[in-house]
Amino acid sequence: MKYPCLVLPVYCQTDIEIVMEQEGVNVYGEPLEAFRYTGKCNFQDEGKTVLTAEKKLINISGTALFCGDICPDMPNITGGEAVINGMTRTIYKGKKHRNPDGTVNYTEVMFI
């Protein structure tokens, strides 16, 4: 059965360049670069403050939605940076929203 995509490509109009890092460091102590993506997304600016488990306040500055799985080789999106509308933003967290059969319907990345 084919499931409908919930983030249609026609609504992905914002240019984005995103670099996701994998866990660990290289010999110079820099984070390992795992994935680089340049393309279009559906970006929504927002500003709210949430309380994390460590009692830390974070001001989330936006959410990017991508049609499908933009990083199929990475099981989790844990960190990195993105350039959206000329501004550099840090990845707060990422989610891969799945269909009942286990395939990824769309990817959501939240920025600080």
PDB file of N, CA and C in Angstrom:
ATOM      1  N   MET A   1       0.833  -1.168   0.000  1.00  0.00           N
ATOM      2  CA  MET A   1       0.000   0.000   0.000  1.00  0.00           C
ATOM      3  C   MET A   1       0.889   1.247   0.000  1.00  0.00           C
ATOM      4  N   LYS A   2       0.570   2.215  -0.814  1.00  0.00           N
ATOM      5  CA  LYS A   2       1.324   3.466  -0.885  1.00  0.00           C
ATOM      6  C   LYS A   2       0.618   4.520  -0.042  1.00  0.00           C
ATOM      7  N   TYR A   3       1.378   5.108   0.880  1.00  0.00           N
ATOM      8  CA  TYR A   3       0.820   6.127   1.764  1.00  0.00           C
ATOM      9  C   TYR A   3       1.050   7.514   1.164  1.00  0.00           C
ATOM     10  N   PRO A   4       0.095   8.429   1.326  1.00  0.00           N
ATOM     11  CA  PRO A   4       0.268   9.779   0.777  1.00  0.00           C
ATOM     12  C   PRO A   4       1.316  10.562   1.577  1.00  0.00           C
ATOM     13  N   CYS A   5       2.108  11.356   0.870  1.00  0.00           N
ATOM     14  CA  CYS A   5       3.103  12.197   1.520  1.00  0.00           C
ATOM     15  C   CYS A   5       2.385  13.373   2.188  1.00  0.00           C
ATOM     16  N   LEU A   6       2.672  13.621   3.443  1.00  0.00           N
ATOM     17  CA  LEU A   6       2.008  14.683   4.186  1.00  0.00           C
ATOM     18  C   LEU A   6       2.656  16.049   3.975  1.00  0.00           C
ATOM     19  N   VAL A   7       3.881  16.078   3.458  1.00  0.00           N
ATOM     20  CA  VAL A   7       4.556  17.327   3.110  1.00  0.00           C
ATOM     21  C   VAL A   7       4.784  17.286   1.600  1.00  0.00           C
ATOM     22  N   LEU A   8       3.931  17.962   0.864  1.00  0.00           N
ATOM     23  CA  LEU A   8       4.009  17.919  -0.590  1.00  0.00           C
ATOM     24  C   LEU A   8       5.163  18.775  -1.103  1.00  0.00           C
ATOM     25  N   PRO A   9       5.873  18.303  -2.134  1.00  0.00           N
ATOM     26  CA  PRO A   9       6.995  19.073  -2.687  1.00  0.00           C
ATOM     27  C   PRO A   9       6.589  20.446  -3.220  1.00  0.00           C
ATOM     28  N   VAL A  10       5.345  20.620  -3.644  1.00  0.00           N
ATOM     29  CA  VAL A  10       4.900  21.908  -4.154  1.00  0.00           C
ATOM     30  C   VAL A  10       4.926  22.991  -3.071  1.00  0.00           C
ATOM     31  N   TYR A  11       4.844  22.610  -1.800  1.00  0.00           N
ATOM     32  CA  TYR A  11       4.879  23.563  -0.694  1.00  0.00           C
ATOM     33  C   TYR A  11       6.285  23.781  -0.142  1.00  0.00           C
ATOM     34  N   CYS A  12       7.256  23.062  -0.655  1.00  0.00           N
ATOM     35  CA  CYS A  12       8.650  23.230  -0.227  1.00  0.00           C
ATOM     36  C   CYS A  12       9.308  24.256  -1.141  1.00  0.00           C
ATOM     37  N   GLN A  13       9.324  25.524  -0.724  1.00  0.00           N
ATOM     38  CA  GLN A  13       9.815  26.619  -1.557  1.00  0.00           C
ATOM     39  C   GLN A  13      11.012  27.360  -0.967  1.00  0.00           C
ATOM     40  N   THR A  14      11.406  27.070   0.262  1.00  0.00           N
ATOM     41  CA  THR A  14      12.492  27.782   0.920  1.00  0.00           C
ATOM     42  C   THR A  14      13.812  27.057   0.688  1.00  0.00           C
ATOM     43  N   ASP A  15      14.822  27.794   0.199  1.00  0.00           N
ATOM     44  CA  ASP A  15      16.147  27.209   0.000  1.00  0.00           C
ATOM     45  C   ASP A  15      16.810  26.963   1.348  1.00  0.00           C
ATOM     46  N   ILE A  16      17.487  25.804   1.459  1.00  0.00           N
ATOM     47  CA  ILE A  16      18.157  25.443   2.702  1.00  0.00           C
ATOM     48  C   ILE A  16      19.432  24.687   2.376  1.00  0.00           C
ATOM     49  N   GLU A  17      20.445  24.947   3.164  1.00  0.00           N
ATOM     50  CA  GLU A  17      21.683  24.170   3.124  1.00  0.00           C
ATOM     51  C   GLU A  17      21.920  23.685   4.539  1.00  0.00           C
ATOM     52  N   ILE A  18      21.923  22.377   4.723  1.00  0.00           N
ATOM     53  CA  ILE A  18      21.974  21.811   6.069  1.00  0.00           C
ATOM     54  C   ILE A  18      23.128  20.817   6.159  1.00  0.00           C
ATOM     55  N   VAL A  19      23.850  20.874   7.276  1.00  0.00           N
ATOM     56  CA  VAL A  19      24.946  19.951   7.557  1.00  0.00           C
ATOM     57  C   VAL A  19      24.620  19.261   8.866  1.00  0.00           C
ATOM     58  N   MET A  20      24.413  17.946   8.806  1.00  0.00           N
ATOM     59  CA  MET A  20      24.113  17.167  10.006  1.00  0.00           C
ATOM     60  C   MET A  20      25.375  16.439  10.439  1.00  0.00           C
ATOM     61  N   GLU A  21      25.631  16.441  11.741  1.00  0.00           N
ATOM     62  CA  GLU A  21      26.832  15.833  12.287  1.00  0.00           C
ATOM     63  C   GLU A  21      26.496  14.502  12.939  1.00  0.00           C
ATOM     64  N   GLN A  22      27.409  13.555  12.787  1.00  0.00           N
ATOM     65  CA  GLN A  22      27.244  12.300  13.506  1.00  0.00           C
ATOM     66  C   GLN A  22      27.974  12.404  14.836  1.00  0.00           C
ATOM     67  N   GLU A  23      27.691  11.520  15.725  1.00  0.00           N
ATOM     68  CA  GLU A  23      28.294  11.579  17.049  1.00  0.00           C
ATOM     69  C   GLU A  23      29.757  11.167  16.977  1.00  0.00           C
ATOM     70  N   GLY A  24      30.588  11.817  17.784  1.00  0.00           N
ATOM     71  CA  GLY A  24      32.019  11.551  17.792  1.00  0.00           C
ATOM     72  C   GLY A  24      32.796  12.727  17.234  1.00  0.00           C
ATOM     73  N   VAL A  25      34.134  12.650  17.320  1.00  0.00           N
ATOM     74  CA  VAL A  25      35.002  13.713  16.824  1.00  0.00           C
ATOM     75  C   VAL A  25      36.119  13.106  15.980  1.00  0.00           C
ATOM     76  N   ASN A  26      36.708  13.947  15.108  1.00  0.00           N
ATOM     77  CA  ASN A  26      37.833  13.486  14.303  1.00  0.00           C
ATOM     78  C   ASN A  26      39.139  13.703  15.069  1.00  0.00           C
ATOM     79  N   VAL A  27      40.280  13.514  14.409  1.00  0.00           N
ATOM     80  CA  VAL A  27      41.570  13.625  15.093  1.00  0.00           C
ATOM     81  C   VAL A  27      41.867  15.043  15.553  1.00  0.00           C
ATOM     82  N   TYR A  28      41.191  16.036  14.990  1.00  0.00           N
ATOM     83  CA  TYR A  28      41.395  17.437  15.383  1.00  0.00           C
ATOM     84  C   TYR A  28      40.387  17.895  16.435  1.00  0.00           C
ATOM     85  N   GLY A  29      39.524  17.024  16.894  1.00  0.00           N
ATOM     86  CA  GLY A  29      38.532  17.366  17.896  1.00  0.00           C
ATOM     87  C   GLY A  29      37.288  18.028  17.339  1.00  0.00           C
ATOM     88  N   GLU A  30      37.137  18.024  16.019  1.00  0.00           N
ATOM     89  CA  GLU A  30      35.965  18.614  15.378  1.00  0.00           C
ATOM     90  C   GLU A  30      34.882  17.557  15.215  1.00  0.00           C
ATOM     91  N   PRO A  31      33.616  17.967  15.249  1.00  0.00           N
ATOM     92  CA  PRO A  31      32.537  16.991  15.029  1.00  0.00           C
ATOM     93  C   PRO A  31      32.638  16.372  13.643  1.00  0.00           C
ATOM     94  N   LEU A  32      32.281  15.108  13.543  1.00  0.00           N
ATOM     95  CA  LEU A  32      32.304  14.412  12.259  1.00  0.00           C
ATOM     96  C   LEU A  32      31.115  14.844  11.412  1.00  0.00           C
ATOM     97  N   GLU A  33      31.387  15.224  10.173  1.00  0.00           N
ATOM     98  CA  GLU A  33      30.299  15.595   9.270  1.00  0.00           C
ATOM     99  C   GLU A  33      29.722  14.322   8.674  1.00  0.00           C
ATOM    100  N   ALA A  34      28.441  14.142   8.822  1.00  0.00           N
ATOM    101  CA  ALA A  34      27.816  12.914   8.348  1.00  0.00           C
ATOM    102  C   ALA A  34      27.013  13.129   7.077  1.00  0.00           C
ATOM    103  N   PHE A  35      26.406  14.285   6.940  1.00  0.00           N
ATOM    104  CA  PHE A  35      25.478  14.470   5.824  1.00  0.00           C
ATOM    105  C   PHE A  35      25.357  15.944   5.474  1.00  0.00           C
ATOM    106  N   ARG A  36      25.356  16.240   4.187  1.00  0.00           N
ATOM    107  CA  ARG A  36      25.149  17.609   3.697  1.00  0.00           C
ATOM    108  C   ARG A  36      23.991  17.569   2.697  1.00  0.00           C
ATOM    109  N   TYR A  37      23.035  18.487   2.869  1.00  0.00           N
ATOM    110  CA  TYR A  37      21.856  18.552   2.003  1.00  0.00           C
ATOM    111  C   TYR A  37      21.661  19.986   1.548  1.00  0.00           C
ATOM    112  N   THR A  38      21.464  20.168   0.256  1.00  0.00           N
ATOM    113  CA  THR A  38      21.114  21.466  -0.305  1.00  0.00           C
ATOM    114  C   THR A  38      19.870  21.268  -1.147  1.00  0.00           C
ATOM    115  N   GLY A  39      18.842  22.009  -0.837  1.00  0.00           N
ATOM    116  CA  GLY A  39      17.595  21.844  -1.575  1.00  0.00           C
ATOM    117  C   GLY A  39      16.510  22.757  -1.056  1.00  0.00           C
ATOM    118  N   LYS A  40      15.281  22.282  -1.141  1.00  0.00           N
ATOM    119  CA  LYS A  40      14.104  23.058  -0.744  1.00  0.00           C
ATOM    120  C   LYS A  40      13.427  22.404   0.457  1.00  0.00           C
ATOM    121  N   CYS A  41      12.784  23.247   1.271  1.00  0.00           N
ATOM    122  CA  CYS A  41      12.031  22.755   2.424  1.00  0.00           C
ATOM    123  C   CYS A  41      10.833  23.660   2.649  1.00  0.00           C
ATOM    124  N   ASN A  42       9.939  23.229   3.515  1.00  0.00           N
ATOM    125  CA  ASN A  42       8.838  24.054   3.996  1.00  0.00           C
ATOM    126  C   ASN A  42       9.283  24.561   5.356  1.00  0.00           C
ATOM    127  N   PHE A  43       9.638  25.850   5.436  1.00  0.00           N
ATOM    128  CA  PHE A  43      10.176  26.419   6.676  1.00  0.00           C
ATOM    129  C   PHE A  43       9.139  27.308   7.338  1.00  0.00           C
ATOM    130  N   GLN A  44       8.953  27.096   8.633  1.00  0.00           N
ATOM    131  CA  GLN A  44       8.011  27.875   9.429  1.00  0.00           C
ATOM    132  C   GLN A  44       8.764  28.515  10.586  1.00  0.00           C
ATOM    133  N   ASP A  45       8.791  29.861  10.608  1.00  0.00           N
ATOM    134  CA  ASP A  45       9.392  30.572  11.735  1.00  0.00           C
ATOM    135  C   ASP A  45       8.463  30.488  12.936  1.00  0.00           C
ATOM    136  N   GLU A  46       9.055  30.359  14.086  1.00  0.00           N
ATOM    137  CA  GLU A  46       8.269  30.378  15.316  1.00  0.00           C
ATOM    138  C   GLU A  46       9.162  30.821  16.454  1.00  0.00           C
ATOM    139  N   GLY A  47       8.577  31.249  17.496  1.00  0.00           N
ATOM    140  CA  GLY A  47       9.328  31.640  18.664  1.00  0.00           C
ATOM    141  C   GLY A  47       8.596  31.222  19.914  1.00  0.00           C
ATOM    142  N   LYS A  48       9.119  30.218  20.559  1.00  0.00           N
ATOM    143  CA  LYS A  48       8.533  29.795  21.829  1.00  0.00           C
ATOM    144  C   LYS A  48       9.629  29.245  22.716  1.00  0.00           C
ATOM    145  N   THR A  49       9.361  29.194  23.972  1.00  0.00           N
ATOM    146  CA  THR A  49      10.331  28.718  24.929  1.00  0.00           C
ATOM    147  C   THR A  49       9.803  27.442  25.557  1.00  0.00           C
ATOM    148  N   VAL A  50      10.659  26.406  25.574  1.00  0.00           N
ATOM    149  CA  VAL A  50      10.268  25.121  26.158  1.00  0.00           C
ATOM    150  C   VAL A  50      11.257  24.762  27.260  1.00  0.00           C
ATOM    151  N   LEU A  51      10.813  23.938  28.185  1.00  0.00           N
ATOM    152  CA  LEU A  51      11.638  23.486  29.296  1.00  0.00           C
ATOM    153  C   LEU A  51      12.061  22.053  29.025  1.00  0.00           C
ATOM    154  N   THR A  52      13.368  21.823  28.911  1.00  0.00           N
ATOM    155  CA  THR A  52      13.869  20.482  28.630  1.00  0.00           C
ATOM    156  C   THR A  52      13.954  19.674  29.924  1.00  0.00           C
ATOM    157  N   ALA A  53      14.360  18.411  29.802  1.00  0.00           N
ATOM    158  CA  ALA A  53      14.481  17.541  30.970  1.00  0.00           C
ATOM    159  C   ALA A  53      15.557  18.039  31.933  1.00  0.00           C
ATOM    160  N   GLU A  54      16.555  18.762  31.393  1.00  0.00           N
ATOM    161  CA  GLU A  54      17.625  19.288  32.239  1.00  0.00           C
ATOM    162  C   GLU A  54      17.271  20.650  32.830  1.00  0.00           C
ATOM    163  N   LYS A  55      15.999  21.042  32.788  1.00  0.00           N
ATOM    164  CA  LYS A  55      15.511  22.322  33.304  1.00  0.00           C
ATOM    165  C   LYS A  55      16.184  23.499  32.592  1.00  0.00           C
ATOM    166  N   LYS A  56      16.313  23.384  31.279  1.00  0.00           N
ATOM    167  CA  LYS A  56      16.960  24.402  30.482  1.00  0.00           C
ATOM    168  C   LYS A  56      15.935  25.011  29.534  1.00  0.00           C
ATOM    169  N   LEU A  57      15.892  26.321  29.441  1.00  0.00           N
ATOM    170  CA  LEU A  57      14.969  27.006  28.546  1.00  0.00           C
ATOM    171  C   LEU A  57      15.602  27.151  27.165  1.00  0.00           C
ATOM    172  N   ILE A  58      14.842  26.831  26.139  1.00  0.00           N
ATOM    173  CA  ILE A  58      15.331  26.918  24.769  1.00  0.00           C
ATOM    174  C   ILE A  58      14.313  27.681  23.951  1.00  0.00           C
ATOM    175  N   ASN A  59      14.781  28.654  23.207  1.00  0.00           N
ATOM    176  CA  ASN A  59      13.920  29.422  22.319  1.00  0.00           C
ATOM    177  C   ASN A  59      14.018  28.808  20.926  1.00  0.00           C
ATOM    178  N   ILE A  60      12.986  28.126  20.499  1.00  0.00           N
ATOM    179  CA  ILE A  60      12.981  27.481  19.192  1.00  0.00           C
ATOM    180  C   ILE A  60      12.643  28.528  18.144  1.00  0.00           C
ATOM    181  N   SER A  61      13.472  28.612  17.114  1.00  0.00           N
ATOM    182  CA  SER A  61      13.291  29.685  16.151  1.00  0.00           C
ATOM    183  C   SER A  61      12.736  29.233  14.818  1.00  0.00           C
ATOM    184  N   GLY A  62      12.489  27.962  14.646  1.00  0.00           N
ATOM    185  CA  GLY A  62      11.899  27.546  13.386  1.00  0.00           C
ATOM    186  C   GLY A  62      11.878  26.043  13.207  1.00  0.00           C
ATOM    187  N   THR A  63      11.087  25.624  12.231  1.00  0.00           N
ATOM    188  CA  THR A  63      10.946  24.211  11.900  1.00  0.00           C
ATOM    189  C   THR A  63      11.002  24.059  10.384  1.00  0.00           C
ATOM    190  N   ALA A  64      11.786  23.091   9.924  1.00  0.00           N
ATOM    191  CA  ALA A  64      11.864  22.791   8.499  1.00  0.00           C
ATOM    192  C   ALA A  64      11.272  21.409   8.254  1.00  0.00           C
ATOM    193  N   LEU A  65      10.406  21.318   7.263  1.00  0.00           N
ATOM    194  CA  LEU A  65       9.783  20.046   6.886  1.00  0.00           C
ATOM    195  C   LEU A  65      10.269  19.649   5.505  1.00  0.00           C
ATOM    196  N   PHE A  66      10.644  18.379   5.353  1.00  0.00           N
ATOM    197  CA  PHE A  66      11.150  17.844   4.097  1.00  0.00           C
ATOM    198  C   PHE A  66      10.297  16.666   3.658  1.00  0.00           C
ATOM    199  N   CYS A  67      10.036  16.566   2.389  1.00  0.00           N
ATOM    200  CA  CYS A  67       9.291  15.442   1.837  1.00  0.00           C
ATOM    201  C   CYS A  67      10.186  14.208   1.847  1.00  0.00           C
ATOM    202  N   GLY A  68       9.766  13.157   2.513  1.00  0.00           N
ATOM    203  CA  GLY A  68      10.532  11.913   2.557  1.00  0.00           C
ATOM    204  C   GLY A  68      11.677  11.968   3.552  1.00  0.00           C
ATOM    205  N   ASP A  69      12.627  11.044   3.372  1.00  0.00           N
ATOM    206  CA  ASP A  69      13.786  10.908   4.257  1.00  0.00           C
ATOM    207  C   ASP A  69      14.979  11.577   3.587  1.00  0.00           C
ATOM    208  N   ILE A  70      15.447  12.708   4.131  1.00  0.00           N
ATOM    209  CA  ILE A  70      16.558  13.411   3.496  1.00  0.00           C
ATOM    210  C   ILE A  70      17.914  12.812   3.855  1.00  0.00           C
ATOM    211  N   CYS A  71      17.983  12.004   4.917  1.00  0.00           N
ATOM    212  CA  CYS A  71      19.250  11.377   5.316  1.00  0.00           C
ATOM    213  C   CYS A  71      19.006   9.906   5.655  1.00  0.00           C
ATOM    214  N   PRO A  72      18.834   9.058   4.624  1.00  0.00           N
ATOM    215  CA  PRO A  72      18.485   7.656   4.881  1.00  0.00           C
ATOM    216  C   PRO A  72      19.578   6.848   5.570  1.00  0.00           C
ATOM    217  N   ASP A  73      20.844   7.311   5.503  1.00  0.00           N
ATOM    218  CA  ASP A  73      21.933   6.562   6.130  1.00  0.00           C
ATOM    219  C   ASP A  73      22.078   6.858   7.619  1.00  0.00           C
ATOM    220  N   MET A  74      21.394   7.900   8.106  1.00  0.00           N
ATOM    221  CA  MET A  74      21.472   8.260   9.517  1.00  0.00           C
ATOM    222  C   MET A  74      20.188   7.833  10.222  1.00  0.00           C
ATOM    223  N   PRO A  75      20.285   7.038  11.295  1.00  0.00           N
ATOM    224  CA  PRO A  75      19.065   6.643  12.008  1.00  0.00           C
ATOM    225  C   PRO A  75      18.453   7.783  12.803  1.00  0.00           C
ATOM    226  N   ASN A  76      19.296   8.708  13.307  1.00  0.00           N
ATOM    227  CA  ASN A  76      18.818   9.821  14.127  1.00  0.00           C
ATOM    228  C   ASN A  76      19.469  11.120  13.677  1.00  0.00           C
ATOM    229  N   ILE A  77      18.734  12.212  13.828  1.00  0.00           N
ATOM    230  CA  ILE A  77      19.268  13.541  13.564  1.00  0.00           C
ATOM    231  C   ILE A  77      19.551  14.161  14.923  1.00  0.00           C
ATOM    232  N   THR A  78      20.841  14.335  15.245  1.00  0.00           N
ATOM    233  CA  THR A  78      21.184  14.781  16.594  1.00  0.00           C
ATOM    234  C   THR A  78      21.828  16.152  16.659  1.00  0.00           C
ATOM    235  N   GLY A  79      22.382  16.652  15.572  1.00  0.00           N
ATOM    236  CA  GLY A  79      23.036  17.948  15.638  1.00  0.00           C
ATOM    237  C   GLY A  79      23.480  18.424  14.275  1.00  0.00           C
ATOM    238  N   GLY A  80      23.884  19.686  14.232  1.00  0.00           N
ATOM    239  CA  GLY A  80      24.363  20.272  13.002  1.00  0.00           C
ATOM    240  C   GLY A  80      23.903  21.708  12.871  1.00  0.00           C
ATOM    241  N   GLU A  81      24.081  22.260  11.675  1.00  0.00           N
ATOM    242  CA  GLU A  81      23.695  23.633  11.403  1.00  0.00           C
ATOM    243  C   GLU A  81      23.034  23.718  10.046  1.00  0.00           C
ATOM    244  N   ALA A  82      22.282  24.798   9.854  1.00  0.00           N
ATOM    245  CA  ALA A  82      21.616  25.040   8.572  1.00  0.00           C
ATOM    246  C   ALA A  82      21.656  26.521   8.259  1.00  0.00           C
ATOM    247  N   VAL A  83      21.697  26.817   6.970  1.00  0.00           N
ATOM    248  CA  VAL A  83      21.604  28.192   6.501  1.00  0.00           C
ATOM    249  C   VAL A  83      20.259  28.321   5.795  1.00  0.00           C
ATOM    250  N   ILE A  84      19.387  29.155   6.383  1.00  0.00           N
ATOM    251  CA  ILE A  84      18.046  29.382   5.853  1.00  0.00           C
ATOM    252  C   ILE A  84      17.839  30.883   5.755  1.00  0.00           C
ATOM    253  N   ASN A  85      17.478  31.342   4.571  1.00  0.00           N
ATOM    254  CA  ASN A  85      17.248  32.774   4.337  1.00  0.00           C
ATOM    255  C   ASN A  85      18.437  33.624   4.787  1.00  0.00           C
ATOM    256  N   GLY A  86      19.651  33.120   4.603  1.00  0.00           N
ATOM    257  CA  GLY A  86      20.854  33.861   4.957  1.00  0.00           C
ATOM    258  C   GLY A  86      21.233  33.819   6.418  1.00  0.00           C
ATOM    259  N   MET A  87      20.459  33.137   7.243  1.00  0.00           N
ATOM    260  CA  MET A  87      20.754  33.040   8.676  1.00  0.00           C
ATOM    261  C   MET A  87      21.225  31.632   9.010  1.00  0.00           C
ATOM    262  N   THR A  88      22.256  31.532   9.853  1.00  0.00           N
ATOM    263  CA  THR A  88      22.752  30.237  10.301  1.00  0.00           C
ATOM    264  C   THR A  88      22.021  29.862  11.580  1.00  0.00           C
ATOM    265  N   ARG A  89      21.459  28.674  11.586  1.00  0.00           N
ATOM    266  CA  ARG A  89      20.698  28.195  12.749  1.00  0.00           C
ATOM    267  C   ARG A  89      21.254  26.844  13.176  1.00  0.00           C
ATOM    268  N   THR A  90      21.147  26.563  14.467  1.00  0.00           N
ATOM    269  CA  THR A  90      21.634  25.311  15.038  1.00  0.00           C
ATOM    270  C   THR A  90      20.482  24.332  15.183  1.00  0.00           C
ATOM    271  N   ILE A  91      20.743  23.069  14.843  1.00  0.00           N
ATOM    272  CA  ILE A  91      19.704  22.037  14.959  1.00  0.00           C
ATOM    273  C   ILE A  91      19.486  21.717  16.432  1.00  0.00           C
ATOM    274  N   TYR A  92      18.228  21.785  16.849  1.00  0.00           N
ATOM    275  CA  TYR A  92      17.841  21.409  18.210  1.00  0.00           C
ATOM    276  C   TYR A  92      17.490  19.923  18.257  1.00  0.00           C
ATOM    277  N   LYS A  93      16.645  19.492  17.340  1.00  0.00           N
ATOM    278  CA  LYS A  93      16.307  18.072  17.254  1.00  0.00           C
ATOM    279  C   LYS A  93      15.677  17.784  15.902  1.00  0.00           C
ATOM    280  N   GLY A  94      15.658  16.538  15.550  1.00  0.00           N
ATOM    281  CA  GLY A  94      15.058  16.126  14.292  1.00  0.00           C
ATOM    282  C   GLY A  94      14.210  14.886  14.486  1.00  0.00           C
ATOM    283  N   LYS A  95      13.204  14.752  13.648  1.00  0.00           N
ATOM    284  CA  LYS A  95      12.304  13.599  13.719  1.00  0.00           C
ATOM    285  C   LYS A  95      12.085  13.052  12.316  1.00  0.00           C
ATOM    286  N   LYS A  96      11.975  11.750  12.244  1.00  0.00           N
ATOM    287  CA  LYS A  96      11.557  11.092  11.009  1.00  0.00           C
ATOM    288  C   LYS A  96      10.175  10.506  11.274  1.00  0.00           C
ATOM    289  N   HIS A  97       9.164  11.105  10.666  1.00  0.00           N
ATOM    290  CA  HIS A  97       7.794  10.645  10.861  1.00  0.00           C
ATOM    291  C   HIS A  97       7.541   9.477   9.914  1.00  0.00           C
ATOM    292  N   ARG A  98       7.142   8.348  10.492  1.00  0.00           N
ATOM    293  CA  ARG A  98       7.039   7.103   9.728  1.00  0.00           C
ATOM    294  C   ARG A  98       5.604   6.714   9.423  1.00  0.00           C
ATOM    295  N   ASN A  99       5.468   5.983   8.323  1.00  0.00           N
ATOM    296  CA  ASN A  99       4.198   5.369   7.938  1.00  0.00           C
ATOM    297  C   ASN A  99       4.027   4.081   8.736  1.00  0.00           C
ATOM    298  N   PRO A 100       2.842   3.485   8.758  1.00  0.00           N
ATOM    299  CA  PRO A 100       2.646   2.223   9.478  1.00  0.00           C
ATOM    300  C   PRO A 100       3.539   1.080   8.982  1.00  0.00           C
ATOM    301  N   ASP A 101       3.998   1.151   7.733  1.00  0.00           N
ATOM    302  CA  ASP A 101       4.859   0.088   7.218  1.00  0.00           C
ATOM    303  C   ASP A 101       6.339   0.323   7.527  1.00  0.00           C
ATOM    304  N   GLY A 102       6.684   1.423   8.199  1.00  0.00           N
ATOM    305  CA  GLY A 102       8.059   1.688   8.602  1.00  0.00           C
ATOM    306  C   GLY A 102       8.822   2.642   7.696  1.00  0.00           C
ATOM    307  N   THR A 103       8.292   2.986   6.545  1.00  0.00           N
ATOM    308  CA  THR A 103       8.961   3.937   5.664  1.00  0.00           C
ATOM    309  C   THR A 103       8.780   5.351   6.207  1.00  0.00           C
ATOM    310  N   VAL A 104       9.694   6.234   5.852  1.00  0.00           N
ATOM    311  CA  VAL A 104       9.641   7.613   6.338  1.00  0.00           C
ATOM    312  C   VAL A 104       8.744   8.438   5.430  1.00  0.00           C
ATOM    313  N   ASN A 105       7.735   9.078   6.022  1.00  0.00           N
ATOM    314  CA  ASN A 105       6.811   9.913   5.265  1.00  0.00           C
ATOM    315  C   ASN A 105       7.415  11.295   5.063  1.00  0.00           C
ATOM    316  N   TYR A 106       7.872  11.928   6.146  1.00  0.00           N
ATOM    317  CA  TYR A 106       8.533  13.221   6.046  1.00  0.00           C
ATOM    318  C   TYR A 106       9.499  13.396   7.207  1.00  0.00           C
ATOM    319  N   THR A 107      10.434  14.318   7.020  1.00  0.00           N
ATOM    320  CA  THR A 107      11.447  14.610   8.027  1.00  0.00           C
ATOM    321  C   THR A 107      11.199  16.011   8.570  1.00  0.00           C
ATOM    322  N   GLU A 108      11.287  16.157   9.882  1.00  0.00           N
ATOM    323  CA  GLU A 108      11.097  17.440  10.552  1.00  0.00           C
ATOM    324  C   GLU A 108      12.372  17.778  11.322  1.00  0.00           C
ATOM    325  N   VAL A 109      12.894  18.992  11.116  1.00  0.00           N
ATOM    326  CA  VAL A 109      14.083  19.450  11.825  1.00  0.00           C
ATOM    327  C   VAL A 109      13.755  20.766  12.523  1.00  0.00           C
ATOM    328  N   MET A 110      14.005  20.828  13.835  1.00  0.00           N
ATOM    329  CA  MET A 110      13.730  22.041  14.623  1.00  0.00           C
ATOM    330  C   MET A 110      15.045  22.741  14.913  1.00  0.00           C
ATOM    331  N   PHE A 111      14.998  24.094  14.863  1.00  0.00           N
ATOM    332  CA  PHE A 111      16.209  24.897  15.030  1.00  0.00           C
ATOM    333  C   PHE A 111      16.095  25.819  16.233  1.00  0.00           C
ATOM    334  N   ILE A 112      17.247  26.152  16.788  1.00  0.00           N
ATOM    335  CA  ILE A 112      17.332  27.139  17.857  1.00  0.00           C
ATOM    336  C   ILE A 112      17.754  28.441  17.224  1.00  0.00           C
TER     337      ILE A 112
END
